[in-house]
């Protein structure tokens, strides 16, 4: 599962051909022992994150929405995508 970005201890990844469980465009987020699927629109789809980290991910997805959709569209077609700048 390729890494898309990393910031404040949060790792964001995309899975190639990942349309089975959640048809909605989303990323997989890891923070310590927490794991979650978060829609590109910021909706928590599965799993859990501490509130502060979820808000950071939601802010990051809002800032990078266009880049995320581009990466998602490439990933579901098994094509490589570029990393996205971390939240600063």
C-alpha atoms as a PDB file:
ATOM      1  CA  UNK A   1       0.000   0.000   0.000  1.00  0.00           C
ATOM      2  CA  UNK A   2       1.896   3.085  -1.221  1.00  0.00           C
ATOM      3  CA  UNK A   3       2.311   6.056   1.070  1.00  0.00           C
ATOM      4  CA  UNK A   4       0.647   9.231  -0.145  1.00  0.00           C
ATOM      5  CA  UNK A   5       1.722  11.587   2.654  1.00  0.00           C
ATOM      6  CA  UNK A   6       2.984  11.721   6.236  1.00  0.00           C
ATOM      7  CA  UNK A   7       2.531  14.516   8.786  1.00  0.00           C
ATOM      8  CA  UNK A   8       2.352  14.867  12.584  1.00  0.00           C
ATOM      9  CA  UNK A   9       2.721  11.096  13.044  1.00  0.00           C
ATOM     10  CA  UNK A  10      -0.168  10.439  10.628  1.00  0.00           C
ATOM     11  CA  UNK A  11       0.474   8.185   7.625  1.00  0.00           C
ATOM     12  CA  UNK A  12      -1.875   8.450   4.637  1.00  0.00           C
ATOM     13  CA  UNK A  13      -1.930   5.662   2.058  1.00  0.00           C
ATOM     14  CA  UNK A  14      -3.833   4.649  -1.070  1.00  0.00           C
ATOM     15  CA  UNK A  15      -4.456   1.075  -2.164  1.00  0.00           C
ATOM     16  CA  UNK A  16      -4.362   0.130  -5.825  1.00  0.00           C
ATOM     17  CA  UNK A  17      -7.725  -1.106  -7.213  1.00  0.00           C
ATOM     18  CA  UNK A  18      -9.409  -0.261  -3.872  1.00  0.00           C
ATOM     19  CA  UNK A  19     -13.084   0.012  -4.835  1.00  0.00           C
ATOM     20  CA  UNK A  20     -14.601  -3.121  -3.280  1.00  0.00           C
ATOM     21  CA  UNK A  21     -15.344  -2.167   0.336  1.00  0.00           C
ATOM     22  CA  UNK A  22     -15.840   1.596  -0.075  1.00  0.00           C
ATOM     23  CA  UNK A  23     -16.821   2.744  -3.543  1.00  0.00           C
ATOM     24  CA  UNK A  24     -16.365   6.332  -2.434  1.00  0.00           C
ATOM     25  CA  UNK A  25     -12.890   7.808  -3.130  1.00  0.00           C
ATOM     26  CA  UNK A  26     -10.963   7.541   0.123  1.00  0.00           C
ATOM     27  CA  UNK A  27      -7.578   7.213   1.798  1.00  0.00           C
ATOM     28  CA  UNK A  28      -6.358   4.876   4.513  1.00  0.00           C
ATOM     29  CA  UNK A  29      -5.027   6.681   7.570  1.00  0.00           C
ATOM     30  CA  UNK A  30      -2.764   5.294  10.295  1.00  0.00           C
ATOM     31  CA  UNK A  31      -1.878   6.955  13.573  1.00  0.00           C
ATOM     32  CA  UNK A  32      -0.249   4.807  16.256  1.00  0.00           C
ATOM     33  CA  UNK A  33      -2.631   1.920  16.894  1.00  0.00           C
ATOM     34  CA  UNK A  34      -5.493   3.700  15.102  1.00  0.00           C
ATOM     35  CA  UNK A  35      -6.586   2.936  11.548  1.00  0.00           C
ATOM     36  CA  UNK A  36      -9.345   4.573   9.527  1.00  0.00           C
ATOM     37  CA  UNK A  37     -10.697   5.005   6.024  1.00  0.00           C
ATOM     38  CA  UNK A  38     -11.494   8.642   5.318  1.00  0.00           C
ATOM     39  CA  UNK A  39     -13.324   9.877   2.238  1.00  0.00           C
ATOM     40  CA  UNK A  40     -11.642  12.543   0.156  1.00  0.00           C
ATOM     41  CA  UNK A  41     -14.537  14.739   1.294  1.00  0.00           C
ATOM     42  CA  UNK A  42     -13.382  14.197   4.911  1.00  0.00           C
ATOM     43  CA  UNK A  43     -16.090  11.719   5.951  1.00  0.00           C
ATOM     44  CA  UNK A  44     -14.942   8.987   8.347  1.00  0.00           C
ATOM     45  CA  UNK A  45     -15.967   5.798   6.517  1.00  0.00           C
ATOM     46  CA  UNK A  46     -14.529   3.095   8.783  1.00  0.00           C
ATOM     47  CA  UNK A  47     -12.252   2.680  11.772  1.00  0.00           C
ATOM     48  CA  UNK A  48     -11.357   5.441  14.187  1.00  0.00           C
ATOM     49  CA  UNK A  49      -8.869   8.213  14.867  1.00  0.00           C
ATOM     50  CA  UNK A  50      -8.490  10.574  17.817  1.00  0.00           C
ATOM     51  CA  UNK A  51     -10.528  13.745  17.208  1.00  0.00           C
ATOM     52  CA  UNK A  52      -7.468  15.988  16.782  1.00  0.00           C
ATOM     53  CA  UNK A  53      -5.892  13.708  14.158  1.00  0.00           C
ATOM     54  CA  UNK A  54      -9.191  13.273  12.307  1.00  0.00           C
ATOM     55  CA  UNK A  55      -9.536  17.064  12.090  1.00  0.00           C
ATOM     56  CA  UNK A  56      -5.960  17.313  10.743  1.00  0.00           C
ATOM     57  CA  UNK A  57      -6.722  14.700   8.085  1.00  0.00           C
ATOM     58  CA  UNK A  58      -9.966  16.477   7.178  1.00  0.00           C
ATOM     59  CA  UNK A  59      -8.088  19.782   6.807  1.00  0.00           C
ATOM     60  CA  UNK A  60      -5.430  18.076   4.672  1.00  0.00           C
ATOM     61  CA  UNK A  61      -8.048  16.444   2.407  1.00  0.00           C
ATOM     62  CA  UNK A  62      -9.803  19.796   1.957  1.00  0.00           C
ATOM     63  CA  UNK A  63      -6.546  21.533   1.002  1.00  0.00           C
ATOM     64  CA  UNK A  64      -5.452  18.781  -1.403  1.00  0.00           C
ATOM     65  CA  UNK A  65      -8.829  17.676  -2.770  1.00  0.00           C
ATOM     66  CA  UNK A  66      -7.905  18.051  -6.446  1.00  0.00           C
ATOM     67  CA  UNK A  67      -4.600  16.187  -6.027  1.00  0.00           C
ATOM     68  CA  UNK A  68      -6.346  13.444  -4.048  1.00  0.00           C
ATOM     69  CA  UNK A  69      -8.940  12.816  -6.756  1.00  0.00           C
ATOM     70  CA  UNK A  70      -6.152  12.658  -9.331  1.00  0.00           C
ATOM     71  CA  UNK A  71      -4.194  10.143  -7.207  1.00  0.00           C
ATOM     72  CA  UNK A  72      -7.366   8.115  -6.507  1.00  0.00           C
ATOM     73  CA  UNK A  73      -8.237   7.892 -10.212  1.00  0.00           C
ATOM     74  CA  UNK A  74      -4.734   6.648 -10.991  1.00  0.00           C
ATOM     75  CA  UNK A  75      -4.661   4.165  -8.087  1.00  0.00           C
ATOM     76  CA  UNK A  76      -7.974   2.493  -8.969  1.00  0.00           C
ATOM     77  CA  UNK A  77      -6.514   1.850 -12.443  1.00  0.00           C
ATOM     78  CA  UNK A  78      -3.321   0.363 -10.903  1.00  0.00           C
ATOM     79  CA  UNK A  79      -1.254   3.326 -12.038  1.00  0.00           C
ATOM     80  CA  UNK A  80       1.388   5.044  -9.936  1.00  0.00           C
ATOM     81  CA  UNK A  81       0.641   8.414  -8.362  1.00  0.00           C
ATOM     82  CA  UNK A  82       2.707  11.219  -6.878  1.00  0.00           C
ATOM     83  CA  UNK A  83       3.048  11.877  -3.178  1.00  0.00           C
ATOM     84  CA  UNK A  84       1.133  14.858  -1.830  1.00  0.00           C
ATOM     85  CA  UNK A  85       2.721  17.530   0.303  1.00  0.00           C
ATOM     86  CA  UNK A  86       2.219  17.050   4.055  1.00  0.00           C
ATOM     87  CA  UNK A  87       0.233  19.396   6.248  1.00  0.00           C
ATOM     88  CA  UNK A  88       2.537  22.018   7.788  1.00  0.00           C
END
